[in-house]
Amino acid sequence: MNTAVETEQETVELLVDQRDLIVYNDDVNTFDHVIESLIKVCKHEVEQAEQCTYIIHFNGKCQVKRGEYEKLEPMCTALLDRGISAEIE
């Protein structure tokens, strides 16, 4: 097998393994709490956390992080521990 085909196959395998960390809107948490949590837990920049928080508020949910399940799982747990509705899809 040539290198180009091997690289393409590896890329496809990596993309298939990608999951989304979704945060859902609720009537409990403040904007500031969600923004602070996204910065601390998901390592967002301030602007990214603010944008995600507005998307969550107006659309009901937002994909806040994409990656392998093993990397997203502790983030999801940390958000849940902070009272924020989140799941990995």
N, C-alpha and C. Protein backbone atom coordinates (compact mmCIF):
# COMPACT_ATOMS: atom_id res chain seq x y z
N MET A 1 0.86 -1.17 0.00
CA MET A 1 0.00 0.00 0.00
C MET A 1 0.90 1.24 0.00
N ASN A 2 0.55 2.23 -0.81
CA ASN A 2 1.41 3.42 -0.85
C ASN A 2 1.09 4.36 0.31
N THR A 3 1.99 5.28 0.55
CA THR A 3 1.89 6.18 1.70
C THR A 3 0.65 7.07 1.64
N ALA A 4 0.27 7.55 0.47
CA ALA A 4 -0.89 8.43 0.34
C ALA A 4 -2.17 7.71 0.77
N VAL A 5 -2.33 6.46 0.36
CA VAL A 5 -3.52 5.69 0.73
C VAL A 5 -3.51 5.39 2.22
N GLU A 6 -2.34 5.06 2.78
CA GLU A 6 -2.25 4.79 4.21
C GLU A 6 -2.61 6.03 5.02
N THR A 7 -2.09 7.19 4.61
CA THR A 7 -2.38 8.44 5.31
C THR A 7 -3.86 8.77 5.23
N GLU A 8 -4.46 8.58 4.06
CA GLU A 8 -5.90 8.85 3.90
C GLU A 8 -6.72 7.92 4.78
N GLN A 9 -6.36 6.67 4.85
CA GLN A 9 -7.07 5.70 5.68
C GLN A 9 -6.95 6.07 7.16
N GLU A 10 -5.74 6.48 7.60
CA GLU A 10 -5.55 6.88 8.99
C GLU A 10 -6.39 8.11 9.32
N THR A 11 -6.47 9.05 8.39
CA THR A 11 -7.27 10.26 8.59
C THR A 11 -8.74 9.91 8.73
N VAL A 12 -9.24 9.04 7.89
CA VAL A 12 -10.64 8.62 7.96
C VAL A 12 -10.92 7.95 9.30
N GLU A 13 -10.01 7.08 9.75
CA GLU A 13 -10.19 6.41 11.03
C GLU A 13 -10.23 7.42 12.17
N LEU A 14 -9.38 8.43 12.14
CA LEU A 14 -9.38 9.46 13.18
C LEU A 14 -10.68 10.25 13.18
N LEU A 15 -11.18 10.60 12.01
CA LEU A 15 -12.41 11.38 11.92
C LEU A 15 -13.61 10.59 12.40
N VAL A 16 -13.65 9.29 12.13
CA VAL A 16 -14.77 8.45 12.54
C VAL A 16 -14.83 8.37 14.06
N ASP A 17 -13.68 8.42 14.72
CA ASP A 17 -13.61 8.28 16.16
C ASP A 17 -13.94 9.58 16.91
N GLN A 18 -14.18 10.66 16.19
CA GLN A 18 -14.45 11.95 16.81
C GLN A 18 -15.88 12.02 17.35
N ARG A 19 -16.02 12.58 18.53
CA ARG A 19 -17.33 12.77 19.16
C ARG A 19 -17.52 14.24 19.47
N ASP A 20 -18.74 14.62 19.83
CA ASP A 20 -19.06 16.00 20.19
C ASP A 20 -19.49 16.07 21.65
N LEU A 21 -18.97 17.05 22.35
CA LEU A 21 -19.43 17.37 23.70
C LEU A 21 -20.48 18.46 23.56
N ILE A 22 -21.72 18.13 23.92
CA ILE A 22 -22.85 19.03 23.75
C ILE A 22 -23.28 19.56 25.12
N VAL A 23 -23.51 20.87 25.18
CA VAL A 23 -24.05 21.49 26.39
C VAL A 23 -25.45 21.99 26.07
N TYR A 24 -26.38 21.73 26.98
CA TYR A 24 -27.79 22.08 26.78
C TYR A 24 -28.19 23.26 27.65
N ASN A 25 -29.15 24.01 27.17
CA ASN A 25 -29.69 25.15 27.90
C ASN A 25 -30.53 24.67 29.09
N ASP A 26 -30.53 25.48 30.13
CA ASP A 26 -31.42 25.23 31.26
C ASP A 26 -31.82 26.57 31.86
N ASP A 27 -32.70 26.54 32.82
CA ASP A 27 -33.18 27.77 33.46
C ASP A 27 -32.51 27.99 34.81
N VAL A 28 -31.42 27.29 35.07
CA VAL A 28 -30.78 27.33 36.38
C VAL A 28 -29.47 28.11 36.35
N ASN A 29 -28.60 27.78 35.42
CA ASN A 29 -27.25 28.34 35.40
C ASN A 29 -27.20 29.72 34.76
N THR A 30 -26.36 30.58 35.32
CA THR A 30 -26.18 31.92 34.77
C THR A 30 -25.20 31.88 33.60
N PHE A 31 -25.25 32.94 32.80
CA PHE A 31 -24.31 33.06 31.69
C PHE A 31 -22.88 33.00 32.23
N ASP A 32 -22.63 33.75 33.30
CA ASP A 32 -21.27 33.82 33.85
C ASP A 32 -20.77 32.45 34.31
N HIS A 33 -21.64 31.66 34.92
CA HIS A 33 -21.25 30.33 35.38
C HIS A 33 -20.89 29.44 34.20
N VAL A 34 -21.70 29.46 33.16
CA VAL A 34 -21.44 28.62 31.98
C VAL A 34 -20.15 29.08 31.29
N ILE A 35 -19.99 30.39 31.12
CA ILE A 35 -18.78 30.92 30.49
C ILE A 35 -17.54 30.51 31.29
N GLU A 36 -17.58 30.72 32.59
CA GLU A 36 -16.46 30.36 33.47
C GLU A 36 -16.15 28.87 33.38
N SER A 37 -17.20 28.06 33.32
CA SER A 37 -17.02 26.60 33.26
C SER A 37 -16.39 26.18 31.94
N LEU A 38 -16.83 26.78 30.83
CA LEU A 38 -16.26 26.43 29.53
C LEU A 38 -14.78 26.83 29.46
N ILE A 39 -14.44 27.95 30.07
CA ILE A 39 -13.04 28.38 30.08
C ILE A 39 -12.20 27.42 30.91
N LYS A 40 -12.68 27.09 32.10
CA LYS A 40 -11.90 26.23 33.00
C LYS A 40 -11.86 24.78 32.54
N VAL A 41 -13.02 24.22 32.19
CA VAL A 41 -13.11 22.80 31.88
C VAL A 41 -12.68 22.48 30.45
N CYS A 42 -13.16 23.28 29.49
CA CYS A 42 -12.90 22.99 28.08
C CYS A 42 -11.74 23.78 27.50
N LYS A 43 -11.12 24.62 28.32
CA LYS A 43 -9.99 25.44 27.90
C LYS A 43 -10.35 26.40 26.77
N HIS A 44 -11.58 26.92 26.79
CA HIS A 44 -12.01 27.91 25.80
C HIS A 44 -11.36 29.26 26.09
N GLU A 45 -11.17 30.06 25.05
CA GLU A 45 -10.84 31.46 25.22
C GLU A 45 -12.14 32.16 25.64
N VAL A 46 -12.04 33.34 26.22
CA VAL A 46 -13.22 34.06 26.71
C VAL A 46 -14.25 34.25 25.60
N GLU A 47 -13.81 34.69 24.43
CA GLU A 47 -14.74 34.95 23.31
C GLU A 47 -15.46 33.69 22.87
N GLN A 48 -14.72 32.59 22.79
CA GLN A 48 -15.32 31.31 22.38
C GLN A 48 -16.36 30.86 23.40
N ALA A 49 -16.04 30.98 24.68
CA ALA A 49 -16.98 30.58 25.74
C ALA A 49 -18.23 31.44 25.69
N GLU A 50 -18.07 32.75 25.47
CA GLU A 50 -19.24 33.63 25.38
C GLU A 50 -20.11 33.27 24.18
N GLN A 51 -19.49 33.03 23.04
CA GLN A 51 -20.26 32.67 21.84
C GLN A 51 -21.02 31.37 22.04
N CYS A 52 -20.35 30.36 22.60
CA CYS A 52 -21.02 29.09 22.86
C CYS A 52 -22.20 29.27 23.82
N THR A 53 -22.01 30.10 24.83
CA THR A 53 -23.07 30.33 25.82
C THR A 53 -24.29 30.97 25.17
N TYR A 54 -24.08 31.93 24.28
CA TYR A 54 -25.21 32.53 23.57
C TYR A 54 -25.89 31.53 22.65
N ILE A 55 -25.11 30.70 21.98
CA ILE A 55 -25.70 29.66 21.12
C ILE A 55 -26.54 28.71 21.96
N ILE A 56 -26.01 28.30 23.12
CA ILE A 56 -26.76 27.42 24.03
C ILE A 56 -28.08 28.09 24.42
N HIS A 57 -28.02 29.36 24.78
CA HIS A 57 -29.21 30.08 25.22
C HIS A 57 -30.26 30.19 24.12
N PHE A 58 -29.85 30.57 22.93
CA PHE A 58 -30.82 30.82 21.85
C PHE A 58 -31.20 29.58 21.06
N ASN A 59 -30.30 28.58 20.96
CA ASN A 59 -30.61 27.38 20.17
C ASN A 59 -30.93 26.16 21.02
N GLY A 60 -30.74 26.27 22.32
CA GLY A 60 -31.05 25.15 23.20
C GLY A 60 -29.89 24.22 23.45
N LYS A 61 -28.86 24.28 22.60
CA LYS A 61 -27.68 23.44 22.81
C LYS A 61 -26.55 23.94 21.90
N CYS A 62 -25.34 23.48 22.22
CA CYS A 62 -24.18 23.85 21.41
C CYS A 62 -23.12 22.77 21.56
N GLN A 63 -22.47 22.46 20.47
CA GLN A 63 -21.31 21.56 20.49
C GLN A 63 -20.13 22.42 20.94
N VAL A 64 -19.62 22.16 22.15
CA VAL A 64 -18.58 23.00 22.72
C VAL A 64 -17.18 22.43 22.55
N LYS A 65 -17.09 21.15 22.21
CA LYS A 65 -15.78 20.52 22.03
C LYS A 65 -15.95 19.30 21.16
N ARG A 66 -14.93 19.00 20.35
CA ARG A 66 -14.93 17.82 19.49
C ARG A 66 -13.63 17.08 19.74
N GLY A 67 -13.72 15.76 19.83
CA GLY A 67 -12.51 14.97 20.05
C GLY A 67 -12.84 13.52 20.35
N GLU A 68 -11.83 12.81 20.81
CA GLU A 68 -12.00 11.41 21.16
C GLU A 68 -12.77 11.30 22.48
N TYR A 69 -13.55 10.24 22.59
CA TYR A 69 -14.39 10.03 23.77
C TYR A 69 -13.57 10.12 25.06
N GLU A 70 -12.38 9.51 25.06
CA GLU A 70 -11.56 9.45 26.26
C GLU A 70 -11.15 10.85 26.74
N LYS A 71 -11.01 11.80 25.82
CA LYS A 71 -10.65 13.17 26.20
C LYS A 71 -11.87 13.98 26.61
N LEU A 72 -13.03 13.67 26.01
CA LEU A 72 -14.25 14.42 26.30
C LEU A 72 -14.92 13.98 27.60
N GLU A 73 -14.77 12.71 27.95
CA GLU A 73 -15.48 12.15 29.10
C GLU A 73 -15.18 12.90 30.40
N PRO A 74 -13.91 13.19 30.73
CA PRO A 74 -13.67 13.94 31.97
C PRO A 74 -14.21 15.37 31.91
N MET A 75 -14.22 15.98 30.72
CA MET A 75 -14.80 17.32 30.57
C MET A 75 -16.30 17.27 30.81
N CYS A 76 -16.96 16.27 30.25
CA CYS A 76 -18.40 16.12 30.42
C CYS A 76 -18.73 15.93 31.90
N THR A 77 -17.98 15.08 32.56
CA THR A 77 -18.20 14.83 33.99
C THR A 77 -18.00 16.11 34.80
N ALA A 78 -16.97 16.89 34.47
CA ALA A 78 -16.70 18.13 35.20
C ALA A 78 -17.83 19.14 34.99
N LEU A 79 -18.38 19.21 33.77
CA LEU A 79 -19.50 20.12 33.52
C LEU A 79 -20.74 19.66 34.30
N LEU A 80 -20.99 18.35 34.29
CA LEU A 80 -22.13 17.81 35.03
C LEU A 80 -21.96 18.09 36.52
N ASP A 81 -20.75 17.95 37.03
CA ASP A 81 -20.48 18.24 38.45
C ASP A 81 -20.75 19.70 38.79
N ARG A 82 -20.66 20.59 37.81
CA ARG A 82 -20.92 22.01 38.00
C ARG A 82 -22.40 22.34 37.78
N GLY A 83 -23.22 21.30 37.56
CA GLY A 83 -24.66 21.51 37.39
C GLY A 83 -25.06 21.89 35.97
N ILE A 84 -24.18 21.70 35.02
CA ILE A 84 -24.45 22.04 33.62
C ILE A 84 -24.85 20.78 32.87
N SER A 85 -25.93 20.85 32.10
CA SER A 85 -26.41 19.71 31.33
C SER A 85 -25.50 19.49 30.12
N ALA A 86 -24.86 18.33 30.07
CA ALA A 86 -23.94 18.03 28.98
C ALA A 86 -23.96 16.54 28.69
N GLU A 87 -23.62 16.21 27.44
CA GLU A 87 -23.47 14.80 27.06
C GLU A 87 -22.56 14.69 25.86
N ILE A 88 -22.06 13.48 25.65
CA ILE A 88 -21.19 13.21 24.51
C ILE A 88 -22.02 12.49 23.46
N GLU A 89 -21.98 13.00 22.24
CA GLU A 89 -22.72 12.35 21.13
C GLU A 89 -21.74 11.86 20.10
